[in-house]
């Protein structure tokens, strides 16, 4: 299975939906300082192992799991691994750094 890579413009469209799961893979302290609205924090090193448990806590089945990290590299690796296990995954191109620039523009 493959995964998608999207821009911040496309992410905004997904954020309007109620069937996505947005995951922040940055450090816990970075997440606590600021994050994309609606995102949940996940330890990127345990994301793949913890995904079934995380999904079981939701009251919906996500059509897409959208991942982001600081610059987009870690989210690409985790997206690849999750996609290999059959999860519907999207990675945010450029990560949170790009999102922050995009929102200031």
PDB file of N, CA and C in Angstrom:
ATOM      1  N   UNK A   1       0.842  -1.183   0.000  1.00  0.00           N
ATOM      2  CA  UNK A   1       0.000   0.000   0.000  1.00  0.00           C
ATOM      3  C   UNK A   1       0.889   1.249   0.000  1.00  0.00           C
ATOM      4  N   UNK A   2       0.427   2.277  -0.641  1.00  0.00           N
ATOM      5  CA  UNK A   2       1.166   3.523  -0.706  1.00  0.00           C
ATOM      6  C   UNK A   2       0.524   4.556   0.207  1.00  0.00           C
ATOM      7  N   UNK A   3       1.236   5.660   0.398  1.00  0.00           N
ATOM      8  CA  UNK A   3       0.693   6.767   1.172  1.00  0.00           C
ATOM      9  C   UNK A   3       0.776   8.025   0.323  1.00  0.00           C
ATOM     10  N   UNK A   4       0.058   9.035   0.753  1.00  0.00           N
ATOM     11  CA  UNK A   4       0.024  10.302   0.026  1.00  0.00           C
ATOM     12  C   UNK A   4       0.845  11.342   0.767  1.00  0.00           C
ATOM     13  N   UNK A   5       1.295  12.335   0.043  1.00  0.00           N
ATOM     14  CA  UNK A   5       1.979  13.496   0.606  1.00  0.00           C
ATOM     15  C   UNK A   5       1.168  14.710   0.166  1.00  0.00           C
ATOM     16  N   UNK A   6       0.812  15.554   1.139  1.00  0.00           N
ATOM     17  CA  UNK A   6      -0.023  16.713   0.813  1.00  0.00           C
ATOM     18  C   UNK A   6       0.629  18.018   1.262  1.00  0.00           C
ATOM     19  N   UNK A   7       0.164  19.092   0.674  1.00  0.00           N
ATOM     20  CA  UNK A   7       0.604  20.440   1.033  1.00  0.00           C
ATOM     21  C   UNK A   7      -0.259  20.981   2.164  1.00  0.00           C
ATOM     22  N   UNK A   8       0.145  22.110   2.704  1.00  0.00           N
ATOM     23  CA  UNK A   8      -0.636  22.767   3.758  1.00  0.00           C
ATOM     24  C   UNK A   8      -2.004  23.199   3.242  1.00  0.00           C
ATOM     25  N   UNK A   9      -2.060  23.613   1.999  1.00  0.00           N
ATOM     26  CA  UNK A   9      -3.341  24.026   1.412  1.00  0.00           C
ATOM     27  C   UNK A   9      -4.325  22.858   1.412  1.00  0.00           C
ATOM     28  N   UNK A  10      -3.855  21.698   1.041  1.00  0.00           N
ATOM     29  CA  UNK A  10      -4.715  20.509   1.022  1.00  0.00           C
ATOM     30  C   UNK A  10      -5.047  20.080   2.452  1.00  0.00           C
ATOM     31  N   UNK A  11      -4.075  20.200   3.351  1.00  0.00           N
ATOM     32  CA  UNK A  11      -4.343  19.847   4.747  1.00  0.00           C
ATOM     33  C   UNK A  11      -5.514  20.651   5.290  1.00  0.00           C
ATOM     34  N   UNK A  12      -5.592  21.914   4.969  1.00  0.00           N
ATOM     35  CA  UNK A  12      -6.705  22.731   5.460  1.00  0.00           C
ATOM     36  C   UNK A  12      -8.047  22.143   5.043  1.00  0.00           C
ATOM     37  N   UNK A  13      -8.125  21.592   3.848  1.00  0.00           N
ATOM     38  CA  UNK A  13      -9.366  20.963   3.390  1.00  0.00           C
ATOM     39  C   UNK A  13      -9.678  19.723   4.228  1.00  0.00           C
ATOM     40  N   UNK A  14      -8.646  18.935   4.530  1.00  0.00           N
ATOM     41  CA  UNK A  14      -8.853  17.745   5.365  1.00  0.00           C
ATOM     42  C   UNK A  14      -9.282  18.115   6.780  1.00  0.00           C
ATOM     43  N   UNK A  15      -8.772  19.220   7.298  1.00  0.00           N
ATOM     44  CA  UNK A  15      -9.099  19.624   8.661  1.00  0.00           C
ATOM     45  C   UNK A  15     -10.575  19.969   8.837  1.00  0.00           C
ATOM     46  N   UNK A  16     -11.264  20.206   7.747  1.00  0.00           N
ATOM     47  CA  UNK A  16     -12.696  20.488   7.794  1.00  0.00           C
ATOM     48  C   UNK A  16     -13.529  19.208   7.931  1.00  0.00           C
ATOM     49  N   UNK A  17     -12.883  18.079   7.736  1.00  0.00           N
ATOM     50  CA  UNK A  17     -13.580  16.792   7.793  1.00  0.00           C
ATOM     51  C   UNK A  17     -13.615  16.261   9.219  1.00  0.00           C
ATOM     52  N   UNK A  18     -14.539  15.358   9.493  1.00  0.00           N
ATOM     53  CA  UNK A  18     -14.617  14.752  10.822  1.00  0.00           C
ATOM     54  C   UNK A  18     -14.213  13.274  10.811  1.00  0.00           C
ATOM     55  N   UNK A  19     -13.567  12.853   9.728  1.00  0.00           N
ATOM     56  CA  UNK A  19     -13.162  11.449   9.620  1.00  0.00           C
ATOM     57  C   UNK A  19     -11.656  11.280   9.447  1.00  0.00           C
ATOM     58  N   UNK A  20     -10.874  12.261   9.925  1.00  0.00           N
ATOM     59  CA  UNK A  20      -9.418  12.160   9.840  1.00  0.00           C
ATOM     60  C   UNK A  20      -8.831  12.126  11.247  1.00  0.00           C
ATOM     61  N   UNK A  21      -7.667  11.526  11.341  1.00  0.00           N
ATOM     62  CA  UNK A  21      -6.901  11.508  12.579  1.00  0.00           C
ATOM     63  C   UNK A  21      -5.590  12.216  12.284  1.00  0.00           C
ATOM     64  N   UNK A  22      -5.349  13.332  12.935  1.00  0.00           N
ATOM     65  CA  UNK A  22      -4.152  14.142  12.728  1.00  0.00           C
ATOM     66  C   UNK A  22      -3.185  13.877  13.876  1.00  0.00           C
ATOM     67  N   UNK A  23      -1.973  13.412  13.533  1.00  0.00           N
ATOM     68  CA  UNK A  23      -0.997  13.038  14.548  1.00  0.00           C
ATOM     69  C   UNK A  23       0.282  13.861  14.439  1.00  0.00           C
ATOM     70  N   UNK A  24       0.680  14.410  15.556  1.00  0.00           N
ATOM     71  CA  UNK A  24       1.913  15.192  15.678  1.00  0.00           C
ATOM     72  C   UNK A  24       3.007  14.256  16.183  1.00  0.00           C
ATOM     73  N   UNK A  25       4.069  14.102  15.399  1.00  0.00           N
ATOM     74  CA  UNK A  25       5.161  13.192  15.732  1.00  0.00           C
ATOM     75  C   UNK A  25       6.370  13.899  16.328  1.00  0.00           C
ATOM     76  N   UNK A  26       6.240  15.186  16.588  1.00  0.00           N
ATOM     77  CA  UNK A  26       7.355  15.944  17.156  1.00  0.00           C
ATOM     78  C   UNK A  26       7.527  15.596  18.635  1.00  0.00           C
ATOM     79  N   UNK A  27       8.468  16.223  19.289  1.00  0.00           N
ATOM     80  CA  UNK A  27       8.658  15.967  20.717  1.00  0.00           C
ATOM     81  C   UNK A  27       7.413  16.406  21.485  1.00  0.00           C
ATOM     82  N   UNK A  28       7.219  15.796  22.635  1.00  0.00           N
ATOM     83  CA  UNK A  28       6.063  16.131  23.481  1.00  0.00           C
ATOM     84  C   UNK A  28       6.091  17.610  23.864  1.00  0.00           C
ATOM     85  N   UNK A  29       7.284  18.143  24.165  1.00  0.00           N
ATOM     86  CA  UNK A  29       7.376  19.556  24.563  1.00  0.00           C
ATOM     87  C   UNK A  29       7.034  20.481  23.394  1.00  0.00           C
ATOM     88  N   UNK A  30       7.443  20.125  22.185  1.00  0.00           N
ATOM     89  CA  UNK A  30       7.083  20.937  21.013  1.00  0.00           C
ATOM     90  C   UNK A  30       5.575  20.930  20.799  1.00  0.00           C
ATOM     91  N   UNK A  31       4.978  19.755  20.935  1.00  0.00           N
ATOM     92  CA  UNK A  31       3.525  19.636  20.798  1.00  0.00           C
ATOM     93  C   UNK A  31       2.813  20.497  21.839  1.00  0.00           C
ATOM     94  N   UNK A  32       3.289  20.430  23.084  1.00  0.00           N
ATOM     95  CA  UNK A  32       2.646  21.182  24.152  1.00  0.00           C
ATOM     96  C   UNK A  32       2.775  22.690  23.965  1.00  0.00           C
ATOM     97  N   UNK A  33       3.848  23.143  23.327  1.00  0.00           N
ATOM     98  CA  UNK A  33       4.024  24.573  23.062  1.00  0.00           C
ATOM     99  C   UNK A  33       3.055  25.055  21.994  1.00  0.00           C
ATOM    100  N   UNK A  34       2.943  24.292  20.922  1.00  0.00           N
ATOM    101  CA  UNK A  34       2.024  24.626  19.829  1.00  0.00           C
ATOM    102  C   UNK A  34       1.918  23.446  18.885  1.00  0.00           C
ATOM    103  N   UNK A  35       0.761  23.345  18.273  1.00  0.00           N
ATOM    104  CA  UNK A  35       0.525  22.269  17.307  1.00  0.00           C
ATOM    105  C   UNK A  35      -0.638  22.666  16.393  1.00  0.00           C
ATOM    106  N   UNK A  36      -0.796  21.903  15.344  1.00  0.00           N
ATOM    107  CA  UNK A  36      -1.910  22.147  14.428  1.00  0.00           C
ATOM    108  C   UNK A  36      -3.208  21.800  15.175  1.00  0.00           C
ATOM    109  N   UNK A  37      -4.198  22.673  15.126  1.00  0.00           N
ATOM    110  CA  UNK A  37      -5.463  22.413  15.840  1.00  0.00           C
ATOM    111  C   UNK A  37      -6.039  21.039  15.498  1.00  0.00           C
ATOM    112  N   UNK A  38      -6.425  20.321  16.539  1.00  0.00           N
ATOM    113  CA  UNK A  38      -7.035  19.007  16.377  1.00  0.00           C
ATOM    114  C   UNK A  38      -6.041  17.857  16.397  1.00  0.00           C
ATOM    115  N   UNK A  39      -4.753  18.156  16.426  1.00  0.00           N
ATOM    116  CA  UNK A  39      -3.739  17.096  16.402  1.00  0.00           C
ATOM    117  C   UNK A  39      -3.590  16.437  17.765  1.00  0.00           C
ATOM    118  N   UNK A  40      -3.307  15.152  17.735  1.00  0.00           N
ATOM    119  CA  UNK A  40      -2.948  14.400  18.928  1.00  0.00           C
ATOM    120  C   UNK A  40      -1.454  14.131  18.876  1.00  0.00           C
ATOM    121  N   UNK A  41      -0.824  14.096  20.041  1.00  0.00           N
ATOM    122  CA  UNK A  41       0.601  13.788  20.067  1.00  0.00           C
ATOM    123  C   UNK A  41       0.817  12.286  20.135  1.00  0.00           C
ATOM    124  N   UNK A  42       1.809  11.813  19.377  1.00  0.00           N
ATOM    125  CA  UNK A  42       2.195  10.409  19.381  1.00  0.00           C
ATOM    126  C   UNK A  42       3.715  10.346  19.373  1.00  0.00           C
ATOM    127  N   UNK A  43       4.266   9.477  20.194  1.00  0.00           N
ATOM    128  CA  UNK A  43       5.706   9.228  20.194  1.00  0.00           C
ATOM    129  C   UNK A  43       6.058   8.532  18.884  1.00  0.00           C
ATOM    130  N   UNK A  44       6.816   9.193  18.037  1.00  0.00           N
ATOM    131  CA  UNK A  44       7.085   8.649  16.695  1.00  0.00           C
ATOM    132  C   UNK A  44       7.802   7.307  16.753  1.00  0.00           C
ATOM    133  N   UNK A  45       8.588   7.079  17.787  1.00  0.00           N
ATOM    134  CA  UNK A  45       9.324   5.812  17.883  1.00  0.00           C
ATOM    135  C   UNK A  45       8.411   4.638  18.198  1.00  0.00           C
ATOM    136  N   UNK A  46       7.231   4.921  18.713  1.00  0.00           N
ATOM    137  CA  UNK A  46       6.280   3.871  19.083  1.00  0.00           C
ATOM    138  C   UNK A  46       4.985   3.958  18.285  1.00  0.00           C
ATOM    139  N   UNK A  47       4.948   4.832  17.308  1.00  0.00           N
ATOM    140  CA  UNK A  47       3.699   5.087  16.571  1.00  0.00           C
ATOM    141  C   UNK A  47       3.135   3.820  15.938  1.00  0.00           C
ATOM    142  N   UNK A  48       3.986   3.073  15.278  1.00  0.00           N
ATOM    143  CA  UNK A  48       3.503   1.873  14.590  1.00  0.00           C
ATOM    144  C   UNK A  48       2.965   0.845  15.592  1.00  0.00           C
ATOM    145  N   UNK A  49       3.690   0.617  16.671  1.00  0.00           N
ATOM    146  CA  UNK A  49       3.255  -0.363  17.673  1.00  0.00           C
ATOM    147  C   UNK A  49       1.992   0.079  18.399  1.00  0.00           C
ATOM    148  N   UNK A  50       1.851   1.379  18.617  1.00  0.00           N
ATOM    149  CA  UNK A  50       0.718   1.895  19.388  1.00  0.00           C
ATOM    150  C   UNK A  50      -0.518   2.226  18.553  1.00  0.00           C
ATOM    151  N   UNK A  51      -0.418   2.109  17.247  1.00  0.00           N
ATOM    152  CA  UNK A  51      -1.539   2.501  16.393  1.00  0.00           C
ATOM    153  C   UNK A  51      -2.826   1.720  16.693  1.00  0.00           C
ATOM    154  N   UNK A  52      -2.788   0.397  16.829  1.00  0.00           N
ATOM    155  CA  UNK A  52      -4.050  -0.303  17.122  1.00  0.00           C
ATOM    156  C   UNK A  52      -4.713   0.191  18.410  1.00  0.00           C
ATOM    157  N   UNK A  53      -3.916   0.417  19.449  1.00  0.00           N
ATOM    158  CA  UNK A  53      -4.469   0.898  20.712  1.00  0.00           C
ATOM    159  C   UNK A  53      -5.048   2.297  20.556  1.00  0.00           C
ATOM    160  N   UNK A  54      -4.329   3.170  19.862  1.00  0.00           N
ATOM    161  CA  UNK A  54      -4.816   4.528  19.634  1.00  0.00           C
ATOM    162  C   UNK A  54      -6.135   4.508  18.870  1.00  0.00           C
ATOM    163  N   UNK A  55      -6.207   3.731  17.816  1.00  0.00           N
ATOM    164  CA  UNK A  55      -7.433   3.668  17.016  1.00  0.00           C
ATOM    165  C   UNK A  55      -8.603   3.121  17.826  1.00  0.00           C
ATOM    166  N   UNK A  56      -8.321   2.233  18.759  1.00  0.00           N
ATOM    167  CA  UNK A  56      -9.403   1.658  19.563  1.00  0.00           C
ATOM    168  C   UNK A  56     -10.007   2.675  20.533  1.00  0.00           C
ATOM    169  N   UNK A  57      -9.302   3.780  20.791  1.00  0.00           N
ATOM    170  CA  UNK A  57      -9.828   4.805  21.699  1.00  0.00           C
ATOM    171  C   UNK A  57     -10.743   5.799  20.990  1.00  0.00           C
ATOM    172  N   UNK A  58     -10.757   5.762  19.668  1.00  0.00           N
ATOM    173  CA  UNK A  58     -11.561   6.709  18.897  1.00  0.00           C
ATOM    174  C   UNK A  58     -12.999   6.236  18.778  1.00  0.00           C
ATOM    175  N   UNK A  59     -13.911   7.176  18.599  1.00  0.00           N
ATOM    176  CA  UNK A  59     -15.312   6.812  18.385  1.00  0.00           C
ATOM    177  C   UNK A  59     -15.672   6.837  16.904  1.00  0.00           C
ATOM    178  N   UNK A  60     -14.653   6.795  16.051  1.00  0.00           N
ATOM    179  CA  UNK A  60     -14.861   6.729  14.604  1.00  0.00           C
ATOM    180  C   UNK A  60     -13.680   5.986  13.980  1.00  0.00           C
ATOM    181  N   UNK A  61     -13.879   5.539  12.759  1.00  0.00           N
ATOM    182  CA  UNK A  61     -12.791   4.901  12.010  1.00  0.00           C
ATOM    183  C   UNK A  61     -12.268   5.946  11.031  1.00  0.00           C
ATOM    184  N   UNK A  62     -11.008   6.373  11.192  1.00  0.00           N
ATOM    185  CA  UNK A  62     -10.496   7.433  10.323  1.00  0.00           C
ATOM    186  C   UNK A  62     -10.361   6.984   8.871  1.00  0.00           C
ATOM    187  N   UNK A  63     -10.829   7.844   7.975  1.00  0.00           N
ATOM    188  CA  UNK A  63     -10.621   7.598   6.549  1.00  0.00           C
ATOM    189  C   UNK A  63      -9.149   7.798   6.212  1.00  0.00           C
ATOM    190  N   UNK A  64      -8.509   8.717   6.922  1.00  0.00           N
ATOM    191  CA  UNK A  64      -7.086   9.017   6.723  1.00  0.00           C
ATOM    192  C   UNK A  64      -6.423   9.316   8.057  1.00  0.00           C
ATOM    193  N   UNK A  65      -5.197   8.844   8.193  1.00  0.00           N
ATOM    194  CA  UNK A  65      -4.342   9.195   9.319  1.00  0.00           C
ATOM    195  C   UNK A  65      -3.297  10.146   8.744  1.00  0.00           C
ATOM    196  N   UNK A  66      -3.328  11.386   9.192  1.00  0.00           N
ATOM    197  CA  UNK A  66      -2.409  12.400   8.671  1.00  0.00           C
ATOM    198  C   UNK A  66      -1.308  12.630   9.698  1.00  0.00           C
ATOM    199  N   UNK A  67      -0.077  12.506   9.240  1.00  0.00           N
ATOM    200  CA  UNK A  67       1.091  12.632  10.097  1.00  0.00           C
ATOM    201  C   UNK A  67       1.874  13.885   9.772  1.00  0.00           C
ATOM    202  N   UNK A  68       2.438  14.497  10.808  1.00  0.00           N
ATOM    203  CA  UNK A  68       3.413  15.562  10.566  1.00  0.00           C
ATOM    204  C   UNK A  68       4.460  15.547  11.666  1.00  0.00           C
ATOM    205  N   UNK A  69       5.651  15.984  11.304  1.00  0.00           N
ATOM    206  CA  UNK A  69       6.755  16.127  12.246  1.00  0.00           C
ATOM    207  C   UNK A  69       7.283  17.544  12.080  1.00  0.00           C
ATOM    208  N   UNK A  70       8.514  17.796  12.442  1.00  0.00           N
ATOM    209  CA  UNK A  70       9.025  19.163  12.359  1.00  0.00           C
ATOM    210  C   UNK A  70       9.255  19.609  10.912  1.00  0.00           C
ATOM    211  N   UNK A  71       9.932  18.787  10.118  1.00  0.00           N
ATOM    212  CA  UNK A  71      10.260  19.185   8.747  1.00  0.00           C
ATOM    213  C   UNK A  71       9.758  18.212   7.678  1.00  0.00           C
ATOM    214  N   UNK A  72       9.131  17.131   8.069  1.00  0.00           N
ATOM    215  CA  UNK A  72       8.545  16.207   7.101  1.00  0.00           C
ATOM    216  C   UNK A  72       9.295  14.909   6.906  1.00  0.00           C
ATOM    217  N   UNK A  73      10.496  14.777   7.442  1.00  0.00           N
ATOM    218  CA  UNK A  73      11.284  13.565   7.208  1.00  0.00           C
ATOM    219  C   UNK A  73      10.790  12.383   8.034  1.00  0.00           C
ATOM    220  N   UNK A  74      10.598  12.590   9.312  1.00  0.00           N
ATOM    221  CA  UNK A  74      10.137  11.499  10.177  1.00  0.00           C
ATOM    222  C   UNK A  74       8.745  11.040   9.773  1.00  0.00           C
ATOM    223  N   UNK A  75       7.876  11.980   9.444  1.00  0.00           N
ATOM    224  CA  UNK A  75       6.513  11.587   9.063  1.00  0.00           C
ATOM    225  C   UNK A  75       6.513  10.747   7.791  1.00  0.00           C
ATOM    226  N   UNK A  76       7.453  10.997   6.892  1.00  0.00           N
ATOM    227  CA  UNK A  76       7.556  10.158   5.686  1.00  0.00           C
ATOM    228  C   UNK A  76       7.905   8.721   6.047  1.00  0.00           C
ATOM    229  N   UNK A  77       8.856   8.552   6.946  1.00  0.00           N
ATOM    230  CA  UNK A  77       9.269   7.204   7.349  1.00  0.00           C
ATOM    231  C   UNK A  77       8.149   6.465   8.074  1.00  0.00           C
ATOM    232  N   UNK A  78       7.485   7.147   8.982  1.00  0.00           N
ATOM    233  CA  UNK A  78       6.398   6.510   9.723  1.00  0.00           C
ATOM    234  C   UNK A  78       5.213   6.229   8.790  1.00  0.00           C
ATOM    235  N   UNK A  79       4.943   7.147   7.873  1.00  0.00           N
ATOM    236  CA  UNK A  79       3.860   6.925   6.896  1.00  0.00           C
ATOM    237  C   UNK A  79       4.146   5.683   6.063  1.00  0.00           C
ATOM    238  N   UNK A  80       5.384   5.534   5.641  1.00  0.00           N
ATOM    239  CA  UNK A  80       5.765   4.340   4.856  1.00  0.00           C
ATOM    240  C   UNK A  80       5.488   3.072   5.651  1.00  0.00           C
ATOM    241  N   UNK A  81       5.914   3.073   6.918  1.00  0.00           N
ATOM    242  CA  UNK A  81       5.741   1.880   7.750  1.00  0.00           C
ATOM    243  C   UNK A  81       4.269   1.583   8.022  1.00  0.00           C
ATOM    244  N   UNK A  82       3.491   2.621   8.315  1.00  0.00           N
ATOM    245  CA  UNK A  82       2.067   2.413   8.569  1.00  0.00           C
ATOM    246  C   UNK A  82       1.343   1.954   7.304  1.00  0.00           C
ATOM    247  N   UNK A  83       1.705   2.524   6.174  1.00  0.00           N
ATOM    248  CA  UNK A  83       1.076   2.126   4.908  1.00  0.00           C
ATOM    249  C   UNK A  83       1.359   0.660   4.594  1.00  0.00           C
ATOM    250  N   UNK A  84       2.557   0.219   4.899  1.00  0.00           N
ATOM    251  CA  UNK A  84       2.904  -1.201   4.688  1.00  0.00           C
ATOM    252  C   UNK A  84       2.013  -2.125   5.500  1.00  0.00           C
ATOM    253  N   UNK A  85       1.501  -1.607   6.609  1.00  0.00           N
ATOM    254  CA  UNK A  85       0.611  -2.392   7.461  1.00  0.00           C
ATOM    255  C   UNK A  85      -0.862  -2.144   7.155  1.00  0.00           C
ATOM    256  N   UNK A  86      -1.133  -1.458   6.059  1.00  0.00           N
ATOM    257  CA  UNK A  86      -2.506  -1.301   5.596  1.00  0.00           C
ATOM    258  C   UNK A  86      -3.251  -0.078   6.086  1.00  0.00           C
ATOM    259  N   UNK A  87      -2.572   0.806   6.792  1.00  0.00           N
ATOM    260  CA  UNK A  87      -3.250   2.007   7.278  1.00  0.00           C
ATOM    261  C   UNK A  87      -3.349   3.057   6.162  1.00  0.00           C
ATOM    262  N   UNK A  88      -4.451   3.800   6.107  1.00  0.00           N
ATOM    263  CA  UNK A  88      -4.608   4.878   5.121  1.00  0.00           C
ATOM    264  C   UNK A  88      -3.872   6.131   5.617  1.00  0.00           C
ATOM    265  N   UNK A  89      -2.703   6.385   5.076  1.00  0.00           N
ATOM    266  CA  UNK A  89      -1.816   7.391   5.646  1.00  0.00           C
ATOM    267  C   UNK A  89      -1.500   8.511   4.668  1.00  0.00           C
ATOM    268  N   UNK A  90      -1.374   9.717   5.256  1.00  0.00           N
ATOM    269  CA  UNK A  90      -0.962  10.915   4.528  1.00  0.00           C
ATOM    270  C   UNK A  90       0.136  11.587   5.345  1.00  0.00           C
ATOM    271  N   UNK A  91       1.155  12.090   4.660  1.00  0.00           N
ATOM    272  CA  UNK A  91       2.226  12.845   5.316  1.00  0.00           C
ATOM    273  C   UNK A  91       2.156  14.300   4.858  1.00  0.00           C
ATOM    274  N   UNK A  92       2.331  15.218   5.804  1.00  0.00           N
ATOM    275  CA  UNK A  92       2.333  16.646   5.473  1.00  0.00           C
ATOM    276  C   UNK A  92       3.699  17.044   4.958  1.00  0.00           C
ATOM    277  N   UNK A  93       3.760  17.490   3.737  1.00  0.00           N
ATOM    278  CA  UNK A  93       5.005  17.926   3.122  1.00  0.00           C
ATOM    279  C   UNK A  93       5.575  19.139   3.868  1.00  0.00           C
ATOM    280  N   UNK A  94       6.821  19.056   4.283  1.00  0.00           N
ATOM    281  CA  UNK A  94       7.465  20.172   4.969  1.00  0.00           C
ATOM    282  C   UNK A  94       7.199  20.241   6.453  1.00  0.00           C
ATOM    283  N   UNK A  95       6.286  19.421   6.950  1.00  0.00           N
ATOM    284  CA  UNK A  95       6.020  19.332   8.372  1.00  0.00           C
ATOM    285  C   UNK A  95       5.492  20.598   9.013  1.00  0.00           C
ATOM    286  N   UNK A  96       5.656  20.658  10.335  1.00  0.00           N
ATOM    287  CA  UNK A  96       5.134  21.784  11.092  1.00  0.00           C
ATOM    288  C   UNK A  96       5.820  23.088  10.721  1.00  0.00           C
ATOM    289  N   UNK A  97       7.113  23.023  10.400  1.00  0.00           N
ATOM    290  CA  UNK A  97       7.840  24.245  10.020  1.00  0.00           C
ATOM    291  C   UNK A  97       7.176  24.908   8.816  1.00  0.00           C
ATOM    292  N   UNK A  98       6.778  24.104   7.836  1.00  0.00           N
ATOM    293  CA  UNK A  98       6.118  24.650   6.658  1.00  0.00           C
ATOM    294  C   UNK A  98       4.720  25.157   7.017  1.00  0.00           C
ATOM    295  N   UNK A  99       4.010  24.422   7.871  1.00  0.00           N
ATOM    296  CA  UNK A  99       2.678  24.845   8.300  1.00  0.00           C
ATOM    297  C   UNK A  99       2.740  26.213   8.969  1.00  0.00           C
ATOM    298  N   UNK A 100       3.735  26.395   9.825  1.00  0.00           N
ATOM    299  CA  UNK A 100       3.869  27.648  10.533  1.00  0.00           C
ATOM    300  C   UNK A 100       4.108  28.812   9.566  1.00  0.00           C
ATOM    301  N   UNK A 101       4.968  28.616   8.592  1.00  0.00           N
ATOM    302  CA  UNK A 101       5.216  29.650   7.566  1.00  0.00           C
ATOM    303  C   UNK A 101       3.951  29.903   6.746  1.00  0.00           C
ATOM    304  N   UNK A 102       3.266  28.832   6.397  1.00  0.00           N
ATOM    305  CA  UNK A 102       2.054  28.935   5.604  1.00  0.00           C
ATOM    306  C   UNK A 102       0.981  29.750   6.329  1.00  0.00           C
ATOM    307  N   UNK A 103       0.818  29.523   7.613  1.00  0.00           N
ATOM    308  CA  UNK A 103      -0.209  30.222   8.382  1.00  0.00           C
ATOM    309  C   UNK A 103       0.135  31.697   8.596  1.00  0.00           C
ATOM    310  N   UNK A 104       1.413  32.047   8.562  1.00  0.00           N
ATOM    311  CA  UNK A 104       1.819  33.448   8.714  1.00  0.00           C
ATOM    312  C   UNK A 104       1.631  34.233   7.432  1.00  0.00           C
ATOM    313  N   UNK A 105       1.627  33.526   6.298  1.00  0.00           N
ATOM    314  CA  UNK A 105       1.532  34.201   4.998  1.00  0.00           C
ATOM    315  C   UNK A 105       0.149  34.771   4.767  1.00  0.00           C
TER     316      UNK A 105
END
